[in-house]
Structures are given as structure tokens and as C-alpha cells.
Amino acid sequence: MLKIPVLRAGEWTLLFVDDAVIIVCGKNFNETHEKLRNIMNRPGGVFEWAKTHNCEFGIEKFQLLDAAKKRVPNPINPKERIPLPRQSLTLGNQRIQSKDTAQFLGVMVDNKLNWKAQCATALAKGQDWLIQFGRIARVSCGINAKYIRQLYLSIAVP
């Protein structure tokens, strides 16, 4: 599957075990959606590779992230700028809506490429850890402080 994309055409594939990402670059969302359809449907493309390797994709699980920092004037209030309108992608008879965020291997990527979703997710995980440590470090029925410190340094910090 790593041999399918054409790097000169702005196509990349990232793989890890059973997770895959296809990245394409273009001048606008219509061009990138056409490149995605092409890489999936062309002879020797992803769907053909899946058939020859006895692999079945759940298209309903696909995530589409149209990333762009460009903003356009708001038609209602021309003084205000809004993100570019995003359209859905149609593969076969499945319609895939463009999302604000997508997750790959635990990393949250947002469509403005500012990493706010990843920061919020990491902060929430850290807060959950602190709550759990607070529960096991109770004075009345918790574990000893030196063991809490050791647990914190060996698990929470990394």
C-alpha cells in the first residue's frame, strides 16, 4: 500500500498496523477530493490493493479532514472572515463528511492545523491522571506518599 501514492503528484500514505492515512495536497478542496477519489479507485489503487490482499475497508469509518488556514469574507457580514466552506467526499455510494478534527494513532489533528484539539485532549488526560492519583493518595485509606511520588514519576510524567 505504501507504493500506491505518487509523491510527485502530492500524494502520501502513512501506515501503522491497521491504521492508514492518505494525504494529498492541492490548490483547493475540489482538487484534493479528486486526488483522493483517484488514489482509491484507479487501477492499482487502494481498493484494488484491498481486493488482492484480502483486506476489507469499512468506508463508514473513514475520516475526511480538509485542512486550510485560509479564510474568506463572510457573505452575511463582509467585515468578518470565516473558514473556507468544506464539502463532503463521495466514494462509491458512501458520503464522507469533512470533520473539524481527525485522530490518527492518538494524535488529534484539526482542520486549521493549530493543534488546539490535541492540546485539549492531552490536558484532559492529564487531569484524569491527577484525579486518579488523588483517589489513591487519600490520607485515611490511601498509599504512602513516597509510593505515590514513585508512581507519579514512573507513570504520569512519561
N, C-alpha and C. Protein backbone atom coordinates (compact mmCIF):
# COMPACT_ATOMS: atom_id res chain seq x y z
N MET A 1 0.82 -1.19 0.00
CA MET A 1 0.00 0.00 0.00
C MET A 1 0.87 1.26 0.00
N LEU A 2 2.07 1.15 0.52
CA LEU A 2 2.98 2.30 0.53
C LEU A 2 3.46 2.68 -0.87
N LYS A 3 3.34 1.75 -1.82
CA LYS A 3 3.79 2.01 -3.19
C LYS A 3 2.71 2.66 -4.05
N ILE A 4 1.49 2.78 -3.55
CA ILE A 4 0.39 3.31 -4.34
C ILE A 4 0.50 4.81 -4.60
N PRO A 5 0.81 5.64 -3.60
CA PRO A 5 0.82 7.09 -3.86
C PRO A 5 1.94 7.52 -4.80
N VAL A 6 1.69 8.60 -5.52
CA VAL A 6 2.68 9.19 -6.41
C VAL A 6 3.18 10.47 -5.72
N LEU A 7 4.39 10.40 -5.20
CA LEU A 7 4.93 11.52 -4.42
C LEU A 7 5.02 12.80 -5.25
N ARG A 8 5.36 12.66 -6.54
CA ARG A 8 5.45 13.84 -7.41
C ARG A 8 4.11 14.55 -7.55
N ALA A 9 3.01 13.81 -7.38
CA ALA A 9 1.67 14.38 -7.53
C ALA A 9 1.13 14.89 -6.20
N GLY A 10 1.94 14.88 -5.15
CA GLY A 10 1.49 15.36 -3.85
C GLY A 10 0.63 14.36 -3.12
N GLU A 11 0.97 13.07 -3.18
CA GLU A 11 0.22 12.01 -2.51
C GLU A 11 1.15 11.27 -1.55
N TRP A 12 0.69 11.01 -0.32
CA TRP A 12 1.45 10.27 0.67
C TRP A 12 0.55 9.29 1.39
N THR A 13 1.14 8.22 1.90
CA THR A 13 0.42 7.26 2.72
C THR A 13 1.22 7.03 3.99
N LEU A 14 0.53 7.04 5.14
CA LEU A 14 1.14 6.71 6.43
C LEU A 14 0.44 5.46 6.94
N LEU A 15 1.20 4.48 7.39
CA LEU A 15 0.62 3.22 7.88
C LEU A 15 1.23 2.82 9.20
N PHE A 16 0.39 2.24 10.05
CA PHE A 16 0.86 1.60 11.27
C PHE A 16 -0.14 0.52 11.62
N VAL A 17 0.27 -0.72 11.56
CA VAL A 17 -0.54 -1.91 11.81
C VAL A 17 -1.83 -1.83 10.98
N ASP A 18 -2.97 -1.52 11.61
CA ASP A 18 -4.22 -1.49 10.85
C ASP A 18 -4.77 -0.08 10.68
N ASP A 19 -3.95 0.94 10.93
CA ASP A 19 -4.35 2.33 10.72
C ASP A 19 -3.62 2.88 9.50
N ALA A 20 -4.36 3.60 8.68
CA ALA A 20 -3.77 4.18 7.47
C ALA A 20 -4.27 5.60 7.29
N VAL A 21 -3.40 6.43 6.73
CA VAL A 21 -3.76 7.80 6.39
C VAL A 21 -3.28 8.05 4.97
N ILE A 22 -4.15 8.66 4.18
CA ILE A 22 -3.76 9.10 2.84
C ILE A 22 -3.80 10.61 2.87
N ILE A 23 -2.68 11.22 2.49
CA ILE A 23 -2.57 12.68 2.49
C ILE A 23 -2.37 13.12 1.05
N VAL A 24 -3.16 14.10 0.63
CA VAL A 24 -2.99 14.69 -0.70
C VAL A 24 -2.99 16.20 -0.56
N CYS A 25 -2.25 16.85 -1.44
CA CYS A 25 -2.19 18.31 -1.45
C CYS A 25 -2.72 18.82 -2.78
N GLY A 26 -3.40 19.95 -2.73
CA GLY A 26 -3.93 20.55 -3.94
C GLY A 26 -4.19 22.01 -3.75
N LYS A 27 -4.63 22.67 -4.83
CA LYS A 27 -4.89 24.11 -4.79
C LYS A 27 -6.19 24.43 -4.06
N ASN A 28 -7.14 23.49 -4.10
CA ASN A 28 -8.42 23.71 -3.42
C ASN A 28 -8.99 22.35 -3.00
N PHE A 29 -10.10 22.38 -2.28
CA PHE A 29 -10.68 21.14 -1.77
C PHE A 29 -11.21 20.25 -2.89
N ASN A 30 -11.71 20.83 -3.97
CA ASN A 30 -12.19 20.02 -5.09
C ASN A 30 -11.05 19.21 -5.70
N GLU A 31 -9.89 19.84 -5.85
CA GLU A 31 -8.73 19.14 -6.40
C GLU A 31 -8.26 18.01 -5.47
N THR A 32 -8.24 18.29 -4.16
CA THR A 32 -7.79 17.25 -3.23
C THR A 32 -8.79 16.10 -3.17
N HIS A 33 -10.08 16.41 -3.25
CA HIS A 33 -11.08 15.34 -3.24
C HIS A 33 -10.96 14.48 -4.50
N GLU A 34 -10.67 15.11 -5.63
CA GLU A 34 -10.49 14.34 -6.87
C GLU A 34 -9.25 13.45 -6.77
N LYS A 35 -8.19 13.97 -6.17
CA LYS A 35 -6.99 13.14 -5.98
C LYS A 35 -7.28 11.95 -5.05
N LEU A 36 -8.07 12.19 -4.01
CA LEU A 36 -8.43 11.09 -3.10
C LEU A 36 -9.25 10.03 -3.83
N ARG A 37 -10.25 10.47 -4.62
CA ARG A 37 -11.04 9.51 -5.39
C ARG A 37 -10.14 8.72 -6.34
N ASN A 38 -9.19 9.41 -6.97
CA ASN A 38 -8.29 8.78 -7.92
C ASN A 38 -7.40 7.73 -7.24
N ILE A 39 -6.79 8.08 -6.12
CA ILE A 39 -5.89 7.14 -5.43
C ILE A 39 -6.65 5.92 -4.91
N MET A 40 -7.92 6.10 -4.61
CA MET A 40 -8.73 4.97 -4.13
C MET A 40 -9.20 4.08 -5.28
N ASN A 41 -9.62 4.67 -6.41
CA ASN A 41 -10.30 3.94 -7.48
C ASN A 41 -9.45 3.57 -8.68
N ARG A 42 -8.29 4.19 -8.87
CA ARG A 42 -7.51 3.93 -10.08
C ARG A 42 -7.01 2.49 -10.12
N PRO A 43 -6.64 1.99 -11.32
CA PRO A 43 -6.03 0.65 -11.40
C PRO A 43 -4.75 0.63 -10.56
N GLY A 44 -4.65 -0.34 -9.69
CA GLY A 44 -3.51 -0.41 -8.77
C GLY A 44 -3.69 0.49 -7.57
N GLY A 45 -4.89 1.03 -7.40
CA GLY A 45 -5.19 1.92 -6.29
C GLY A 45 -5.52 1.17 -5.01
N VAL A 46 -6.01 1.89 -4.02
CA VAL A 46 -6.23 1.33 -2.69
C VAL A 46 -7.31 0.24 -2.71
N PHE A 47 -8.44 0.48 -3.40
CA PHE A 47 -9.50 -0.53 -3.41
C PHE A 47 -9.05 -1.80 -4.13
N GLU A 48 -8.28 -1.65 -5.21
CA GLU A 48 -7.76 -2.84 -5.90
C GLU A 48 -6.74 -3.56 -5.02
N TRP A 49 -5.90 -2.81 -4.33
CA TRP A 49 -4.93 -3.41 -3.40
C TRP A 49 -5.66 -4.20 -2.32
N ALA A 50 -6.75 -3.66 -1.81
CA ALA A 50 -7.52 -4.32 -0.76
C ALA A 50 -8.07 -5.66 -1.25
N LYS A 51 -8.56 -5.69 -2.49
CA LYS A 51 -9.09 -6.95 -3.05
C LYS A 51 -8.00 -8.00 -3.20
N THR A 52 -6.84 -7.59 -3.71
CA THR A 52 -5.76 -8.55 -3.93
C THR A 52 -5.11 -9.02 -2.63
N HIS A 53 -5.26 -8.27 -1.54
CA HIS A 53 -4.65 -8.63 -0.26
C HIS A 53 -5.69 -9.09 0.77
N ASN A 54 -6.88 -9.42 0.28
CA ASN A 54 -7.96 -9.93 1.15
C ASN A 54 -8.18 -9.01 2.35
N CYS A 55 -8.29 -7.72 2.06
CA CYS A 55 -8.48 -6.70 3.09
C CYS A 55 -9.78 -5.97 2.80
N GLU A 56 -10.55 -5.73 3.83
CA GLU A 56 -11.82 -5.03 3.64
C GLU A 56 -11.81 -3.74 4.45
N PHE A 57 -12.06 -2.64 3.76
CA PHE A 57 -12.11 -1.34 4.43
C PHE A 57 -13.54 -1.03 4.82
N GLY A 58 -13.72 -0.49 6.01
CA GLY A 58 -15.03 0.00 6.43
C GLY A 58 -15.12 1.47 6.07
N ILE A 59 -15.66 1.77 4.90
CA ILE A 59 -15.71 3.15 4.42
C ILE A 59 -16.45 4.03 5.41
N GLU A 60 -17.40 3.45 6.15
CA GLU A 60 -18.13 4.25 7.14
C GLU A 60 -17.22 4.73 8.27
N LYS A 61 -16.04 4.14 8.41
CA LYS A 61 -15.08 4.57 9.43
C LYS A 61 -14.09 5.62 8.91
N PHE A 62 -14.10 5.87 7.61
CA PHE A 62 -13.17 6.83 7.03
C PHE A 62 -13.42 8.21 7.62
N GLN A 63 -12.34 8.97 7.79
CA GLN A 63 -12.42 10.35 8.27
C GLN A 63 -11.82 11.27 7.21
N LEU A 64 -12.49 12.36 6.96
CA LEU A 64 -12.02 13.34 5.98
C LEU A 64 -11.71 14.63 6.72
N LEU A 65 -10.50 15.11 6.53
CA LEU A 65 -10.08 16.36 7.16
C LEU A 65 -9.56 17.28 6.06
N ASP A 66 -10.31 18.32 5.75
CA ASP A 66 -9.89 19.32 4.78
C ASP A 66 -9.18 20.42 5.55
N ALA A 67 -7.86 20.45 5.47
CA ALA A 67 -7.07 21.39 6.26
C ALA A 67 -6.68 22.60 5.44
N ALA A 68 -6.97 23.78 5.98
CA ALA A 68 -6.57 25.03 5.35
C ALA A 68 -6.67 26.15 6.38
N LYS A 69 -5.72 27.05 6.32
CA LYS A 69 -5.76 28.21 7.23
C LYS A 69 -6.44 29.41 6.56
N LYS A 70 -6.64 29.32 5.25
CA LYS A 70 -7.22 30.43 4.51
C LYS A 70 -8.63 30.73 4.98
N ARG A 71 -8.96 32.01 5.04
CA ARG A 71 -10.30 32.46 5.44
C ARG A 71 -10.85 33.35 4.34
N VAL A 72 -12.17 33.36 4.20
CA VAL A 72 -12.84 34.15 3.18
C VAL A 72 -13.83 35.10 3.84
N PRO A 73 -14.21 36.17 3.15
CA PRO A 73 -15.20 37.09 3.74
C PRO A 73 -16.55 36.40 3.96
N ASN A 74 -17.17 36.73 5.07
CA ASN A 74 -18.49 36.19 5.39
C ASN A 74 -19.52 36.86 4.49
N PRO A 75 -20.36 36.08 3.75
CA PRO A 75 -21.35 36.71 2.87
C PRO A 75 -22.39 37.54 3.63
N ILE A 76 -22.63 37.23 4.87
CA ILE A 76 -23.62 37.96 5.67
C ILE A 76 -23.02 39.24 6.23
N ASN A 77 -21.77 39.16 6.70
CA ASN A 77 -21.08 40.31 7.28
C ASN A 77 -19.70 40.40 6.63
N PRO A 78 -19.53 41.22 5.57
CA PRO A 78 -18.27 41.26 4.82
C PRO A 78 -17.05 41.67 5.65
N LYS A 79 -17.25 42.31 6.80
CA LYS A 79 -16.12 42.70 7.64
C LYS A 79 -15.53 41.51 8.39
N GLU A 80 -16.31 40.44 8.51
CA GLU A 80 -15.89 39.25 9.24
C GLU A 80 -15.37 38.21 8.26
N ARG A 81 -14.34 37.47 8.68
CA ARG A 81 -13.78 36.41 7.83
C ARG A 81 -14.10 35.06 8.46
N ILE A 82 -14.44 34.09 7.62
CA ILE A 82 -14.81 32.75 8.08
C ILE A 82 -13.93 31.72 7.37
N PRO A 83 -13.80 30.50 7.94
CA PRO A 83 -13.03 29.45 7.27
C PRO A 83 -13.64 29.08 5.92
N LEU A 84 -12.81 28.57 5.04
CA LEU A 84 -13.30 28.11 3.74
C LEU A 84 -14.39 27.06 3.95
N PRO A 85 -15.47 27.12 3.15
CA PRO A 85 -16.50 26.09 3.28
C PRO A 85 -15.96 24.72 2.85
N ARG A 86 -16.29 23.71 3.62
CA ARG A 86 -15.81 22.35 3.34
C ARG A 86 -16.95 21.50 2.81
N GLN A 87 -16.63 20.66 1.84
CA GLN A 87 -17.63 19.81 1.22
C GLN A 87 -17.36 18.36 1.57
N SER A 88 -18.37 17.52 1.38
CA SER A 88 -18.19 16.10 1.64
C SER A 88 -17.55 15.43 0.42
N LEU A 89 -16.99 14.26 0.64
CA LEU A 89 -16.35 13.45 -0.39
C LEU A 89 -17.21 12.22 -0.62
N THR A 90 -17.46 11.87 -1.87
CA THR A 90 -18.24 10.69 -2.19
C THR A 90 -17.32 9.62 -2.77
N LEU A 91 -17.28 8.46 -2.11
CA LEU A 91 -16.54 7.29 -2.59
C LEU A 91 -17.55 6.17 -2.80
N GLY A 92 -17.75 5.79 -4.05
CA GLY A 92 -18.78 4.78 -4.33
C GLY A 92 -20.13 5.35 -3.96
N ASN A 93 -20.85 4.65 -3.11
CA ASN A 93 -22.15 5.16 -2.66
C ASN A 93 -22.08 5.71 -1.23
N GLN A 94 -20.87 5.87 -0.69
CA GLN A 94 -20.68 6.41 0.66
C GLN A 94 -20.31 7.89 0.59
N ARG A 95 -20.94 8.67 1.43
CA ARG A 95 -20.64 10.11 1.54
C ARG A 95 -19.86 10.33 2.84
N ILE A 96 -18.69 10.92 2.74
CA ILE A 96 -17.84 11.17 3.90
C ILE A 96 -17.81 12.67 4.16
N GLN A 97 -18.30 13.07 5.32
CA GLN A 97 -18.35 14.48 5.68
C GLN A 97 -16.99 14.95 6.18
N SER A 98 -16.62 16.15 5.82
CA SER A 98 -15.39 16.75 6.32
C SER A 98 -15.57 17.08 7.80
N LYS A 99 -14.60 16.68 8.62
CA LYS A 99 -14.68 16.90 10.06
C LYS A 99 -13.77 18.05 10.49
N ASP A 100 -14.04 18.56 11.69
CA ASP A 100 -13.18 19.60 12.26
C ASP A 100 -11.88 19.00 12.79
N THR A 101 -11.96 17.77 13.30
CA THR A 101 -10.77 17.08 13.82
C THR A 101 -10.79 15.63 13.38
N ALA A 102 -9.60 15.06 13.26
CA ALA A 102 -9.45 13.63 12.96
C ALA A 102 -8.34 13.10 13.85
N GLN A 103 -8.42 11.82 14.17
CA GLN A 103 -7.44 11.21 15.06
C GLN A 103 -6.70 10.11 14.32
N PHE A 104 -5.36 10.10 14.46
CA PHE A 104 -4.52 9.05 13.90
C PHE A 104 -3.48 8.69 14.94
N LEU A 105 -3.49 7.45 15.39
CA LEU A 105 -2.56 6.93 16.40
C LEU A 105 -2.56 7.79 17.66
N GLY A 106 -3.74 8.24 18.06
CA GLY A 106 -3.87 9.00 19.29
C GLY A 106 -3.57 10.47 19.17
N VAL A 107 -3.20 10.93 17.99
CA VAL A 107 -2.90 12.35 17.78
C VAL A 107 -4.10 13.00 17.11
N MET A 108 -4.60 14.07 17.72
CA MET A 108 -5.73 14.81 17.18
C MET A 108 -5.21 15.93 16.28
N VAL A 109 -5.67 15.94 15.03
CA VAL A 109 -5.29 16.97 14.08
C VAL A 109 -6.56 17.75 13.73
N ASP A 110 -6.48 19.08 13.78
CA ASP A 110 -7.67 19.85 13.43
C ASP A 110 -7.51 20.50 12.05
N ASN A 111 -8.64 20.92 11.47
CA ASN A 111 -8.61 21.40 10.09
C ASN A 111 -8.00 22.80 9.93
N LYS A 112 -7.65 23.45 11.02
CA LYS A 112 -6.95 24.74 10.94
C LYS A 112 -5.46 24.57 11.20
N LEU A 113 -5.05 23.35 11.53
CA LEU A 113 -3.65 23.00 11.79
C LEU A 113 -3.05 23.83 12.92
N ASN A 114 -3.83 24.06 13.99
CA ASN A 114 -3.30 24.82 15.12
C ASN A 114 -3.15 23.96 16.38
N TRP A 115 -3.46 22.69 16.33
CA TRP A 115 -3.22 21.71 17.39
C TRP A 115 -4.00 21.98 18.67
N LYS A 116 -5.04 22.80 18.64
CA LYS A 116 -5.82 23.07 19.84
C LYS A 116 -6.54 21.81 20.33
N ALA A 117 -7.02 20.97 19.41
CA ALA A 117 -7.72 19.74 19.79
C ALA A 117 -6.76 18.78 20.49
N GLN A 118 -5.51 18.68 20.00
CA GLN A 118 -4.52 17.81 20.63
C GLN A 118 -4.17 18.32 22.02
N CYS A 119 -4.02 19.62 22.17
CA CYS A 119 -3.72 20.20 23.49
C CYS A 119 -4.85 19.94 24.47
N ALA A 120 -6.10 20.11 24.02
CA ALA A 120 -7.25 19.87 24.89
C ALA A 120 -7.33 18.41 25.30
N THR A 121 -7.06 17.49 24.37
CA THR A 121 -7.09 16.06 24.68
C THR A 121 -6.00 15.70 25.68
N ALA A 122 -4.79 16.21 25.47
CA ALA A 122 -3.68 15.93 26.39
C ALA A 122 -3.96 16.50 27.77
N LEU A 123 -4.52 17.69 27.83
CA LEU A 123 -4.86 18.30 29.11
C LEU A 123 -5.92 17.48 29.85
N ALA A 124 -6.93 17.02 29.12
CA ALA A 124 -7.98 16.20 29.74
C ALA A 124 -7.41 14.89 30.28
N LYS A 125 -6.49 14.26 29.54
CA LYS A 125 -5.86 13.02 30.03
C LYS A 125 -5.04 13.29 31.29
N GLY A 126 -4.31 14.40 31.30
CA GLY A 126 -3.53 14.75 32.48
C GLY A 126 -4.40 15.01 33.70
N GLN A 127 -5.51 15.68 33.48
CA GLN A 127 -6.44 15.93 34.59
C GLN A 127 -7.03 14.63 35.12
N ASP A 128 -7.34 13.70 34.22
CA ASP A 128 -7.85 12.40 34.65
C ASP A 128 -6.82 11.67 35.51
N TRP A 129 -5.54 11.72 35.08
CA TRP A 129 -4.48 11.09 35.87
C TRP A 129 -4.39 11.70 37.26
N LEU A 130 -4.45 13.01 37.34
CA LEU A 130 -4.36 13.67 38.64
C LEU A 130 -5.52 13.30 39.55
N ILE A 131 -6.71 13.19 38.99
CA ILE A 131 -7.87 12.77 39.78
C ILE A 131 -7.66 11.36 40.32
N GLN A 132 -7.15 10.47 39.47
CA GLN A 132 -6.91 9.08 39.92
C GLN A 132 -5.83 9.03 41.00
N PHE A 133 -4.77 9.81 40.83
CA PHE A 133 -3.73 9.85 41.85
C PHE A 133 -4.28 10.39 43.16
N GLY A 134 -5.15 11.38 43.07
CA GLY A 134 -5.77 11.93 44.28
C GLY A 134 -6.60 10.88 45.01
N ARG A 135 -7.25 10.02 44.27
CA ARG A 135 -8.07 8.98 44.89
C ARG A 135 -7.23 7.95 45.65
N ILE A 136 -6.10 7.57 45.06
CA ILE A 136 -5.30 6.55 45.75
C ILE A 136 -4.35 7.15 46.79
N ALA A 137 -4.26 8.48 46.87
CA ALA A 137 -3.35 9.11 47.83
C ALA A 137 -4.10 9.67 49.04
N ARG A 138 -5.30 9.23 49.29
CA ARG A 138 -6.06 9.73 50.44
C ARG A 138 -5.31 9.45 51.74
N VAL A 139 -5.40 10.37 52.67
CA VAL A 139 -4.71 10.23 53.95
C VAL A 139 -5.28 9.06 54.74
N SER A 140 -6.59 8.91 54.75
CA SER A 140 -7.22 7.88 55.60
C SER A 140 -7.05 6.46 55.07
N CYS A 141 -7.15 6.26 53.76
CA CYS A 141 -7.09 4.88 53.26
C CYS A 141 -6.25 4.75 52.00
N GLY A 142 -5.36 5.71 51.75
CA GLY A 142 -4.54 5.67 50.55
C GLY A 142 -3.18 5.03 50.80
N ILE A 143 -2.33 5.08 49.77
CA ILE A 143 -0.99 4.51 49.91
C ILE A 143 -0.02 5.59 50.39
N ASN A 144 1.14 5.16 50.82
CA ASN A 144 2.17 6.01 51.38
C ASN A 144 2.63 7.06 50.35
N ALA A 145 2.98 8.27 50.83
CA ALA A 145 3.36 9.39 49.97
C ALA A 145 4.57 9.07 49.10
N LYS A 146 5.55 8.34 49.64
CA LYS A 146 6.73 8.06 48.82
C LYS A 146 6.39 7.14 47.66
N TYR A 147 5.40 6.27 47.82
CA TYR A 147 4.98 5.39 46.73
C TYR A 147 4.15 6.16 45.70
N ILE A 148 3.38 7.12 46.16
CA ILE A 148 2.63 7.99 45.24
C ILE A 148 3.62 8.77 44.37
N ARG A 149 4.66 9.31 45.00
CA ARG A 149 5.67 10.06 44.23
C ARG A 149 6.34 9.15 43.21
N GLN A 150 6.70 7.94 43.60
CA GLN A 150 7.34 7.00 42.70
C GLN A 150 6.39 6.64 41.54
N LEU A 151 5.13 6.42 41.85
CA LEU A 151 4.13 6.11 40.84
C LEU A 151 3.96 7.28 39.88
N TYR A 152 3.89 8.49 40.42
CA TYR A 152 3.74 9.68 39.61
C TYR A 152 4.93 9.85 38.66
N LEU A 153 6.14 9.71 39.18
CA LEU A 153 7.34 9.90 38.36
C LEU A 153 7.52 8.81 37.32
N SER A 154 7.07 7.59 37.63
CA SER A 154 7.28 6.49 36.69
C SER A 154 6.16 6.33 35.68
N ILE A 155 4.95 6.84 35.98
CA ILE A 155 3.82 6.63 35.07
C ILE A 155 3.26 7.93 34.52
N ALA A 156 2.92 8.87 35.38
CA ALA A 156 2.25 10.08 34.93
C ALA A 156 3.17 11.00 34.13
N VAL A 157 4.39 11.21 34.62
CA VAL A 157 5.31 12.12 33.93
C VAL A 157 5.65 11.63 32.50
N PRO A 158 6.00 10.36 32.31
CA PRO A 158 6.28 9.92 30.93
C PRO A 158 5.07 9.99 30.06
